[in-house]
N, C-alpha and C. Protein backbone atom coordinates (compact mmCIF):
# COMPACT_ATOMS: atom_id res chain seq x y z
N MET A 1 -106.48 -41.10 2.25
CA MET A 1 -106.14 -42.02 1.19
C MET A 1 -105.18 -41.31 0.23
N ALA A 2 -104.16 -41.98 -0.16
CA ALA A 2 -103.14 -41.38 -1.02
C ALA A 2 -103.67 -41.23 -2.45
N GLN A 3 -103.26 -40.16 -3.07
CA GLN A 3 -103.65 -39.91 -4.45
C GLN A 3 -102.71 -40.67 -5.37
N LYS A 4 -103.26 -41.46 -6.26
CA LYS A 4 -102.45 -42.22 -7.22
C LYS A 4 -102.94 -41.91 -8.62
N LEU A 5 -102.00 -41.82 -9.53
CA LEU A 5 -102.36 -41.64 -10.91
C LEU A 5 -102.63 -42.99 -11.54
N GLY A 6 -103.47 -43.00 -12.55
CA GLY A 6 -103.74 -44.24 -13.26
C GLY A 6 -105.10 -44.81 -12.90
N SER A 7 -105.32 -46.02 -13.33
CA SER A 7 -106.60 -46.67 -13.13
C SER A 7 -106.68 -47.29 -11.75
N GLU A 8 -107.86 -47.26 -11.17
CA GLU A 8 -108.07 -47.90 -9.88
C GLU A 8 -108.32 -49.40 -10.04
N PHE A 9 -108.59 -49.85 -11.25
CA PHE A 9 -108.95 -51.24 -11.46
C PHE A 9 -107.75 -52.11 -11.80
N LEU A 10 -106.66 -51.51 -12.26
CA LEU A 10 -105.46 -52.28 -12.57
C LEU A 10 -104.57 -52.36 -11.35
N ARG A 11 -104.14 -53.56 -11.01
CA ARG A 11 -103.22 -53.74 -9.90
C ARG A 11 -101.79 -53.50 -10.38
N THR A 12 -100.96 -53.10 -9.47
CA THR A 12 -99.56 -52.91 -9.84
C THR A 12 -98.90 -54.27 -9.99
N PHE A 13 -98.00 -54.36 -10.96
CA PHE A 13 -97.36 -55.64 -11.26
C PHE A 13 -95.92 -55.70 -10.77
N THR A 14 -95.55 -54.85 -9.84
CA THR A 14 -94.17 -54.84 -9.38
C THR A 14 -93.85 -56.05 -8.52
N ASP A 15 -94.82 -56.57 -7.77
CA ASP A 15 -94.55 -57.70 -6.90
C ASP A 15 -95.08 -59.02 -7.49
N TYR A 16 -95.37 -59.04 -8.75
CA TYR A 16 -95.90 -60.24 -9.39
C TYR A 16 -94.75 -61.20 -9.72
N GLU A 17 -94.90 -62.46 -9.30
CA GLU A 17 -93.92 -63.50 -9.62
C GLU A 17 -94.59 -64.52 -10.54
N PRO A 18 -94.04 -64.75 -11.70
CA PRO A 18 -94.66 -65.70 -12.63
C PRO A 18 -94.47 -67.13 -12.16
N PRO A 19 -95.42 -68.01 -12.46
CA PRO A 19 -95.27 -69.42 -12.10
C PRO A 19 -94.13 -70.06 -12.89
N VAL A 20 -93.38 -70.92 -12.20
CA VAL A 20 -92.23 -71.56 -12.82
C VAL A 20 -92.54 -73.00 -13.20
N LEU A 21 -93.08 -73.77 -12.25
CA LEU A 21 -93.32 -75.19 -12.47
C LEU A 21 -94.56 -75.60 -11.69
N PHE A 22 -95.47 -76.32 -12.34
CA PHE A 22 -96.71 -76.81 -11.73
C PHE A 22 -97.55 -75.68 -11.15
N GLY A 23 -97.52 -74.52 -11.75
CA GLY A 23 -98.33 -73.39 -11.29
C GLY A 23 -97.81 -72.77 -10.02
N ARG A 24 -96.60 -73.07 -9.62
CA ARG A 24 -96.01 -72.50 -8.40
C ARG A 24 -94.88 -71.55 -8.76
N THR A 25 -94.70 -70.57 -7.89
CA THR A 25 -93.61 -69.63 -8.10
C THR A 25 -92.30 -70.24 -7.60
N LYS A 26 -91.22 -69.57 -7.86
CA LYS A 26 -89.91 -70.06 -7.45
C LYS A 26 -89.83 -70.17 -5.93
N ARG A 27 -90.35 -69.21 -5.23
CA ARG A 27 -90.33 -69.24 -3.76
C ARG A 27 -91.15 -70.39 -3.21
N GLN A 28 -92.30 -70.63 -3.79
CA GLN A 28 -93.13 -71.74 -3.34
C GLN A 28 -92.46 -73.08 -3.61
N LEU A 29 -91.80 -73.21 -4.76
CA LEU A 29 -91.10 -74.45 -5.07
C LEU A 29 -89.95 -74.70 -4.10
N VAL A 30 -89.18 -73.66 -3.80
CA VAL A 30 -88.06 -73.82 -2.86
C VAL A 30 -88.59 -74.21 -1.48
N MET A 31 -89.67 -73.61 -1.05
CA MET A 31 -90.23 -73.94 0.27
C MET A 31 -90.78 -75.36 0.30
N THR A 32 -91.46 -75.78 -0.75
CA THR A 32 -92.00 -77.14 -0.79
C THR A 32 -90.89 -78.18 -0.83
N ILE A 33 -89.90 -77.98 -1.70
CA ILE A 33 -88.80 -78.94 -1.80
C ILE A 33 -87.99 -78.97 -0.50
N GLY A 34 -87.76 -77.82 0.10
CA GLY A 34 -87.03 -77.77 1.36
C GLY A 34 -87.77 -78.44 2.50
N THR A 35 -89.08 -78.26 2.56
CA THR A 35 -89.87 -78.88 3.62
C THR A 35 -89.89 -80.39 3.47
N PHE A 36 -90.20 -80.87 2.26
CA PHE A 36 -90.23 -82.32 2.06
C PHE A 36 -88.84 -82.93 2.15
N GLY A 37 -87.82 -82.20 1.72
CA GLY A 37 -86.46 -82.69 1.85
C GLY A 37 -86.04 -82.83 3.31
N SER A 38 -86.43 -81.87 4.15
CA SER A 38 -86.09 -81.96 5.57
C SER A 38 -86.88 -83.07 6.27
N ILE A 39 -88.11 -83.29 5.85
CA ILE A 39 -88.88 -84.41 6.41
C ILE A 39 -88.22 -85.73 6.02
N GLY A 40 -87.83 -85.85 4.76
CA GLY A 40 -87.14 -87.07 4.32
C GLY A 40 -85.81 -87.27 5.04
N LEU A 41 -85.06 -86.18 5.26
CA LEU A 41 -83.79 -86.28 5.98
C LEU A 41 -84.02 -86.71 7.43
N SER A 42 -85.06 -86.19 8.07
CA SER A 42 -85.33 -86.58 9.45
C SER A 42 -85.73 -88.04 9.56
N VAL A 43 -86.50 -88.53 8.59
CA VAL A 43 -86.86 -89.96 8.59
C VAL A 43 -85.62 -90.82 8.37
N LEU A 44 -84.77 -90.42 7.44
CA LEU A 44 -83.55 -91.15 7.16
C LEU A 44 -82.61 -91.18 8.37
N LEU A 45 -82.49 -90.05 9.05
CA LEU A 45 -81.63 -90.00 10.23
C LEU A 45 -82.18 -90.83 11.39
N SER A 46 -83.49 -90.86 11.55
CA SER A 46 -84.08 -91.65 12.63
C SER A 46 -83.99 -93.15 12.33
N VAL A 47 -84.09 -93.54 11.05
CA VAL A 47 -83.98 -94.96 10.68
C VAL A 47 -82.54 -95.46 10.90
N THR A 48 -81.56 -94.61 10.63
CA THR A 48 -80.17 -95.01 10.79
C THR A 48 -79.66 -94.81 12.21
N HIS A 49 -80.54 -94.48 13.16
CA HIS A 49 -80.22 -94.30 14.58
C HIS A 49 -79.13 -93.25 14.78
N PHE A 50 -79.24 -92.15 14.05
CA PHE A 50 -78.33 -91.02 14.18
C PHE A 50 -78.70 -90.28 15.46
N PRO A 51 -77.75 -89.64 16.15
CA PRO A 51 -78.11 -88.90 17.37
C PRO A 51 -79.14 -87.80 17.07
N LYS A 52 -80.12 -87.70 17.96
CA LYS A 52 -81.24 -86.78 17.73
C LYS A 52 -80.80 -85.32 17.73
N TRP A 53 -79.86 -84.95 18.57
CA TRP A 53 -79.48 -83.55 18.66
C TRP A 53 -78.80 -83.07 17.37
N ILE A 54 -78.08 -83.96 16.71
CA ILE A 54 -77.48 -83.60 15.42
C ILE A 54 -78.58 -83.46 14.36
N GLY A 55 -79.57 -84.33 14.43
CA GLY A 55 -80.71 -84.23 13.50
C GLY A 55 -81.48 -82.93 13.69
N TYR A 56 -81.67 -82.52 14.94
CA TYR A 56 -82.37 -81.25 15.20
C TYR A 56 -81.57 -80.06 14.66
N ILE A 57 -80.26 -80.08 14.84
CA ILE A 57 -79.43 -78.99 14.32
C ILE A 57 -79.50 -78.94 12.79
N LEU A 58 -79.43 -80.11 12.15
CA LEU A 58 -79.51 -80.15 10.68
C LEU A 58 -80.88 -79.67 10.18
N LEU A 59 -81.95 -80.10 10.87
CA LEU A 59 -83.29 -79.66 10.46
C LEU A 59 -83.46 -78.15 10.63
N GLY A 60 -82.94 -77.62 11.72
CA GLY A 60 -83.03 -76.17 11.92
C GLY A 60 -82.22 -75.42 10.88
N ALA A 61 -81.05 -75.97 10.52
CA ALA A 61 -80.20 -75.31 9.53
C ALA A 61 -80.84 -75.35 8.14
N ILE A 62 -81.71 -76.31 7.89
CA ILE A 62 -82.38 -76.41 6.58
C ILE A 62 -83.70 -75.65 6.59
N LEU A 63 -84.52 -75.85 7.62
CA LEU A 63 -85.88 -75.30 7.61
C LEU A 63 -85.95 -73.78 7.82
N VAL A 64 -85.07 -73.23 8.65
CA VAL A 64 -85.16 -71.79 8.92
C VAL A 64 -84.90 -70.96 7.66
N PRO A 65 -83.82 -71.18 6.92
CA PRO A 65 -83.64 -70.38 5.70
C PRO A 65 -84.70 -70.64 4.63
N VAL A 66 -85.15 -71.89 4.53
CA VAL A 66 -86.19 -72.21 3.56
C VAL A 66 -87.48 -71.48 3.91
N PHE A 67 -87.83 -71.47 5.19
CA PHE A 67 -89.04 -70.79 5.62
C PHE A 67 -88.93 -69.28 5.39
N LEU A 68 -87.77 -68.69 5.73
CA LEU A 68 -87.59 -67.25 5.53
C LEU A 68 -87.68 -66.87 4.05
N TYR A 69 -87.09 -67.68 3.19
CA TYR A 69 -87.13 -67.39 1.76
C TYR A 69 -88.54 -67.60 1.20
N GLY A 70 -89.20 -68.65 1.62
CA GLY A 70 -90.53 -68.97 1.10
C GLY A 70 -91.60 -67.97 1.50
N THR A 71 -91.46 -67.36 2.65
CA THR A 71 -92.46 -66.39 3.12
C THR A 71 -92.07 -64.94 2.86
N LYS A 72 -91.00 -64.71 2.11
CA LYS A 72 -90.49 -63.38 1.74
C LYS A 72 -90.03 -62.56 2.94
N LYS A 73 -89.73 -63.22 4.04
CA LYS A 73 -89.18 -62.52 5.19
C LYS A 73 -87.73 -62.14 4.96
N ASP A 74 -87.06 -62.81 4.02
CA ASP A 74 -85.66 -62.49 3.75
C ASP A 74 -85.49 -61.08 3.21
N ILE A 75 -86.46 -60.61 2.44
CA ILE A 75 -86.40 -59.26 1.88
C ILE A 75 -86.52 -58.23 3.01
N GLU A 76 -87.47 -58.47 3.92
CA GLU A 76 -87.67 -57.56 5.04
C GLU A 76 -86.45 -57.53 5.96
N LEU A 77 -85.90 -58.70 6.28
CA LEU A 77 -84.72 -58.76 7.13
C LEU A 77 -83.50 -58.13 6.47
N LYS A 78 -83.37 -58.33 5.16
CA LYS A 78 -82.25 -57.74 4.44
C LYS A 78 -82.32 -56.21 4.47
N GLU A 79 -83.51 -55.66 4.27
CA GLU A 79 -83.67 -54.21 4.31
C GLU A 79 -83.42 -53.66 5.71
N ARG A 80 -83.91 -54.37 6.73
CA ARG A 80 -83.73 -53.91 8.10
C ARG A 80 -82.26 -53.89 8.49
N TYR A 81 -81.53 -54.97 8.19
CA TYR A 81 -80.11 -55.02 8.55
C TYR A 81 -79.27 -54.10 7.68
N ARG A 82 -79.63 -53.93 6.44
CA ARG A 82 -78.90 -53.00 5.58
C ARG A 82 -79.05 -51.57 6.10
N PHE A 83 -80.25 -51.22 6.56
CA PHE A 83 -80.48 -49.89 7.10
C PHE A 83 -79.70 -49.69 8.39
N SER A 84 -79.70 -50.69 9.29
CA SER A 84 -79.02 -50.52 10.57
C SER A 84 -77.51 -50.58 10.44
N LEU A 85 -76.97 -51.24 9.42
CA LEU A 85 -75.53 -51.36 9.26
C LEU A 85 -74.93 -50.32 8.33
N THR A 86 -75.76 -49.58 7.61
CA THR A 86 -75.25 -48.56 6.69
C THR A 86 -74.86 -47.32 7.48
N ILE A 87 -73.70 -46.80 7.20
CA ILE A 87 -73.28 -45.57 7.84
C ILE A 87 -74.03 -44.43 7.17
N GLN A 88 -74.79 -43.71 7.96
CA GLN A 88 -75.65 -42.66 7.42
C GLN A 88 -75.10 -41.31 7.81
N LYS A 89 -74.91 -40.47 6.83
CA LYS A 89 -74.42 -39.12 7.08
C LYS A 89 -75.60 -38.17 7.00
N ARG A 90 -75.78 -37.44 8.07
CA ARG A 90 -76.86 -36.46 8.10
C ARG A 90 -76.25 -35.07 8.23
N SER A 91 -76.73 -34.18 7.44
CA SER A 91 -76.23 -32.80 7.52
C SER A 91 -77.33 -31.94 8.12
N TYR A 92 -76.93 -31.07 9.01
CA TYR A 92 -77.87 -30.18 9.67
C TYR A 92 -77.52 -28.74 9.30
N ARG A 93 -78.52 -27.96 9.09
CA ARG A 93 -78.30 -26.56 8.71
C ARG A 93 -78.80 -25.67 9.83
N THR A 94 -77.97 -24.81 10.28
CA THR A 94 -78.37 -23.87 11.31
C THR A 94 -78.89 -22.60 10.66
N GLU A 95 -79.58 -21.81 11.46
CA GLU A 95 -80.16 -20.59 10.90
C GLU A 95 -79.10 -19.55 10.61
N GLN A 96 -78.08 -19.48 11.45
CA GLN A 96 -77.04 -18.47 11.27
C GLN A 96 -75.72 -19.16 10.99
N PRO A 97 -75.12 -18.90 9.87
CA PRO A 97 -73.79 -19.47 9.65
C PRO A 97 -72.79 -18.81 10.59
N THR A 98 -71.90 -19.61 11.12
CA THR A 98 -70.92 -19.07 12.06
C THR A 98 -69.82 -18.34 11.31
N LYS A 99 -69.21 -17.40 11.99
CA LYS A 99 -68.11 -16.63 11.38
C LYS A 99 -66.83 -17.41 11.59
N GLY A 100 -66.20 -17.85 10.55
CA GLY A 100 -64.94 -18.55 10.68
C GLY A 100 -65.09 -20.00 11.08
N GLY A 101 -66.29 -20.49 11.27
CA GLY A 101 -66.50 -21.90 11.55
C GLY A 101 -66.45 -22.28 13.02
N GLU A 102 -66.22 -21.32 13.93
CA GLU A 102 -66.15 -21.63 15.35
C GLU A 102 -67.12 -20.74 16.11
N PHE A 103 -67.61 -21.28 17.23
CA PHE A 103 -68.52 -20.52 18.06
C PHE A 103 -67.72 -19.69 19.07
N THR A 104 -68.28 -18.56 19.42
CA THR A 104 -67.69 -17.74 20.48
C THR A 104 -68.60 -17.80 21.69
N ARG A 105 -68.17 -17.22 22.80
CA ARG A 105 -69.01 -17.29 24.00
C ARG A 105 -70.25 -16.40 23.90
N HIS A 106 -70.29 -15.48 22.93
CA HIS A 106 -71.44 -14.59 22.79
C HIS A 106 -72.49 -15.13 21.81
N ASP A 107 -72.21 -16.25 21.18
CA ASP A 107 -73.16 -16.78 20.19
C ASP A 107 -74.44 -17.32 20.82
N PHE A 108 -74.39 -17.74 22.09
CA PHE A 108 -75.53 -18.40 22.70
C PHE A 108 -76.28 -17.52 23.70
N ARG A 109 -75.94 -16.27 23.74
CA ARG A 109 -76.66 -15.35 24.63
C ARG A 109 -77.95 -14.91 23.96
N SER A 110 -78.97 -14.71 24.77
CA SER A 110 -80.23 -14.24 24.20
C SER A 110 -80.15 -12.74 23.95
N HIS A 111 -80.73 -12.31 22.89
CA HIS A 111 -80.73 -10.89 22.55
C HIS A 111 -81.90 -10.21 23.27
N MET A 112 -81.77 -8.94 23.48
CA MET A 112 -82.77 -8.23 24.27
C MET A 112 -84.13 -8.14 23.57
N GLU A 113 -84.15 -8.06 22.27
CA GLU A 113 -85.43 -7.91 21.57
C GLU A 113 -86.15 -9.24 21.37
N ILE A 114 -85.50 -10.34 21.64
CA ILE A 114 -86.12 -11.65 21.45
C ILE A 114 -86.56 -12.18 22.81
N THR A 115 -87.85 -12.45 22.96
CA THR A 115 -88.36 -13.01 24.20
C THR A 115 -89.11 -14.30 23.89
N GLU A 116 -89.24 -15.13 24.88
CA GLU A 116 -89.94 -16.40 24.70
C GLU A 116 -91.40 -16.30 25.10
N VAL A 117 -91.83 -15.15 25.56
CA VAL A 117 -93.20 -14.96 26.03
C VAL A 117 -93.90 -14.02 25.07
N ASP A 118 -95.15 -14.32 24.78
CA ASP A 118 -95.95 -13.47 23.91
C ASP A 118 -96.39 -12.25 24.70
N GLN A 119 -95.90 -11.08 24.32
CA GLN A 119 -96.18 -9.85 25.06
C GLN A 119 -97.66 -9.45 24.97
N SER A 120 -98.30 -9.76 23.89
CA SER A 120 -99.70 -9.35 23.73
C SER A 120 -100.59 -10.10 24.72
N ARG A 121 -100.28 -11.33 25.02
CA ARG A 121 -101.08 -12.10 25.98
C ARG A 121 -100.82 -11.61 27.39
N GLU A 122 -99.60 -11.20 27.71
CA GLU A 122 -99.30 -10.70 29.05
C GLU A 122 -100.05 -9.41 29.32
N SER A 123 -100.14 -8.55 28.33
CA SER A 123 -100.81 -7.26 28.54
C SER A 123 -102.31 -7.48 28.77
N THR A 124 -102.92 -8.44 28.12
CA THR A 124 -104.35 -8.70 28.34
C THR A 124 -104.57 -9.33 29.71
N GLN A 125 -103.64 -10.15 30.18
CA GLN A 125 -103.79 -10.75 31.51
C GLN A 125 -103.59 -9.69 32.59
N GLU A 126 -102.63 -8.78 32.40
CA GLU A 126 -102.42 -7.71 33.37
C GLU A 126 -103.61 -6.79 33.46
N SER A 127 -104.22 -6.51 32.31
CA SER A 127 -105.39 -5.62 32.34
C SER A 127 -106.57 -6.31 33.00
N ALA A 128 -106.68 -7.62 32.86
CA ALA A 128 -107.75 -8.34 33.52
C ALA A 128 -107.52 -8.39 35.02
N GLU A 129 -106.27 -8.45 35.46
CA GLU A 129 -105.98 -8.47 36.88
C GLU A 129 -106.21 -7.10 37.53
N THR A 130 -105.87 -6.05 36.81
CA THR A 130 -106.06 -4.71 37.36
C THR A 130 -107.51 -4.27 37.35
N ASN A 131 -108.31 -4.74 36.38
CA ASN A 131 -109.73 -4.41 36.29
C ASN A 131 -110.54 -5.68 36.45
N PRO A 132 -110.78 -6.13 37.66
CA PRO A 132 -111.53 -7.39 37.83
C PRO A 132 -113.00 -7.28 37.44
N GLN A 133 -113.54 -6.09 37.26
CA GLN A 133 -114.95 -5.92 36.95
C GLN A 133 -115.24 -6.20 35.47
N THR A 134 -114.26 -6.18 34.61
CA THR A 134 -114.53 -6.37 33.19
C THR A 134 -114.54 -7.82 32.83
């Protein structure tokens, strides 16, 4: 559990949205008006014998953004696309700065005193192999 300063009983108010009208927040009002507006538009289009495929396109064009805004998915999508489209510069630091900024053919050779094997473990295994009675 993360350590937080302050009271455990007070909630953070960073994501609090005050009610605007009829006890609803701005997002809830936009979603309600958009939903009922699209229902009214679909009824109007069906009464006037408008082609159904145009009605479906109009309903999708109205309901999808209203739904995304009303459920706060727009914030998540905006952050995701902003992160993927932002050019990110990463700097890496090597242990040894190069001389003059270029590598030579001797820079990647292993040195004699550096080994990848733990010598102390090899000596104990060799002694166990030579003295099987211990």
